[in-house]
Amino acid sequence: MTKLVMRFAMPIMIVLLVGCTSTQQMQVKSNVESITGTIWAGTDSDGDYYEYHFKTNGALHYKSPTGFWKNGTWKQEENEIYMETNNKYTERQGIISGNRMEGQAWNVKGVGGPG
């Protein structure tokens, strides 16, 4: 599993995106505020820094080791989050719980993976 540790930039909040098991994905949904307009940032398990800007209408802008990009999308349904970048080259899904986000990430090269 690909791991990404992220922190919410405004206001300060700690977020963690890590690999999870299928039982963790079956958590009970709860009312979670929209993350529209927020910025989440952190380092993945390879030590690379990423920053995600959750824009209106599902637009996702992000900073990666290769630059700043505006080719991502995101969806939030209650406490579930899904993000994809570069036409689904990389995908992430997870659960928001309080000030944490836990989930999984994978890409077309087979790094990470659902489940």
Protein backbone atom coordinates (compact mmCIF):
# COMPACT_ATOMS: atom_id res chain seq x y z
CA MET A 1 0.00 0.00 0.00
CA THR A 2 1.12 3.52 -0.71
CA LYS A 3 1.15 5.72 2.37
CA LEU A 4 0.74 9.47 2.48
CA VAL A 5 0.88 11.62 5.60
CA MET A 6 -0.92 14.91 5.06
CA ARG A 7 -1.70 17.97 7.14
CA PHE A 8 -4.56 20.34 6.57
CA ALA A 9 -3.11 23.79 5.85
CA MET A 10 -5.91 26.18 7.01
CA PRO A 11 -6.74 25.93 9.93
CA ILE A 12 -4.08 23.55 11.22
CA MET A 13 -5.36 20.02 11.42
CA ILE A 14 -3.48 16.70 11.23
CA VAL A 15 -4.44 14.25 8.50
CA LEU A 16 -3.14 10.79 7.76
CA LEU A 17 -3.71 8.86 4.53
CA VAL A 18 -2.48 5.29 4.87
CA GLY A 19 -3.19 1.83 3.57
CA CYS A 20 -6.26 0.17 5.01
CA THR A 21 -7.92 -3.21 5.02
CA SER A 22 -11.31 -3.96 3.54
CA THR A 23 -12.87 -4.01 7.04
CA GLN A 24 -11.73 -0.42 7.61
CA GLN A 25 -13.56 0.60 4.43
CA MET A 26 -16.84 -0.61 5.93
CA GLN A 27 -16.95 2.03 8.67
CA VAL A 28 -20.29 3.65 9.45
CA LYS A 29 -20.79 6.90 7.56
CA SER A 30 -21.07 10.08 9.56
CA ASN A 31 -21.82 13.69 8.74
CA VAL A 32 -18.58 15.34 7.69
CA GLU A 33 -18.26 18.90 6.42
CA SER A 34 -17.23 19.41 2.82
CA ILE A 35 -13.52 19.85 2.25
CA THR A 36 -14.18 22.27 -0.63
CA GLY A 37 -11.74 25.17 -0.48
CA THR A 38 -9.25 23.41 1.79
CA ILE A 39 -5.60 22.52 1.21
CA TRP A 40 -4.09 19.25 2.47
CA ALA A 41 -0.34 18.61 2.37
CA GLY A 42 2.16 15.99 3.43
CA THR A 43 4.82 13.44 2.57
CA ASP A 44 4.30 10.00 1.07
CA SER A 45 6.09 6.79 2.07
CA ASP A 46 8.92 7.63 -0.39
CA GLY A 47 9.50 10.98 1.31
CA ASP A 48 7.99 13.01 -1.56
CA TYR A 49 5.96 16.13 -0.67
CA TYR A 50 2.42 16.56 -2.05
CA GLU A 51 -0.15 19.30 -1.64
CA TYR A 52 -3.83 18.97 -2.63
CA HIS A 53 -6.14 21.96 -3.23
CA PHE A 54 -9.80 20.85 -3.13
CA LYS A 55 -11.53 23.33 -5.46
CA THR A 56 -15.23 23.81 -6.14
CA ASN A 57 -17.04 21.59 -8.66
CA GLY A 58 -14.69 18.67 -7.95
CA ALA A 59 -11.54 20.27 -9.39
CA LEU A 60 -8.31 19.11 -7.75
CA HIS A 61 -5.11 21.13 -8.10
CA TYR A 62 -1.99 19.60 -6.63
CA LYS A 63 1.71 20.07 -6.13
CA SER A 64 3.95 17.05 -6.64
CA PRO A 65 7.72 16.60 -6.93
CA THR A 66 7.35 17.27 -10.69
CA GLY A 67 5.42 20.55 -10.45
CA PHE A 68 2.01 22.12 -9.85
CA TRP A 69 -0.87 20.56 -11.79
CA LYS A 70 -4.55 21.30 -12.36
CA ASN A 71 -5.60 17.98 -13.90
CA GLY A 72 -7.22 16.20 -10.96
CA THR A 73 -10.74 15.64 -9.70
CA TRP A 74 -12.24 14.70 -6.36
CA LYS A 75 -15.57 13.55 -4.91
CA GLN A 76 -16.81 13.50 -1.36
CA GLU A 77 -19.87 11.61 -0.18
CA GLU A 78 -20.41 12.17 3.53
CA ASN A 79 -17.17 10.85 5.05
CA GLU A 80 -15.88 9.06 1.93
CA ILE A 81 -13.30 10.76 -0.30
CA TYR A 82 -12.05 9.85 -3.79
CA MET A 83 -9.30 11.66 -5.71
CA GLU A 84 -7.76 11.03 -9.11
CA THR A 85 -4.94 12.82 -10.87
CA ASN A 86 -3.71 12.95 -14.46
CA ASN A 87 -6.70 11.19 -16.05
CA LYS A 88 -6.70 8.44 -13.37
CA TYR A 89 -2.96 7.81 -13.59
CA THR A 90 -3.10 7.85 -9.77
CA GLU A 91 -6.21 7.25 -7.66
CA ARG A 92 -6.89 7.55 -3.92
CA GLN A 93 -9.89 6.67 -1.82
CA GLY A 94 -10.45 6.93 1.88
CA ILE A 95 -12.52 7.76 4.91
CA ILE A 96 -12.55 11.12 6.71
CA SER A 97 -12.88 10.72 10.46
CA GLY A 98 -12.61 13.88 12.53
CA ASN A 99 -9.28 15.45 11.60
CA ARG A 100 -7.94 12.32 9.87
CA MET A 101 -8.20 10.85 6.41
CA GLU A 102 -7.33 7.17 6.02
CA GLY A 103 -7.38 5.14 2.85
CA GLN A 104 -5.40 3.74 -0.02
CA ALA A 105 -3.67 4.90 -3.19
CA TRP A 106 -2.70 3.17 -6.43
CA ASN A 107 -1.54 4.03 -9.92
CA VAL A 108 -1.53 2.55 -13.43
CA LYS A 109 1.92 1.05 -12.84
CA GLY A 110 0.43 -1.14 -10.11
CA VAL A 111 1.93 0.68 -7.13
CA GLY A 112 -0.40 0.39 -4.14
CA GLY A 113 -3.82 -1.03 -4.87
CA PRO A 114 -7.37 -1.23 -3.62
CA GLY A 115 -8.24 -3.70 -0.90
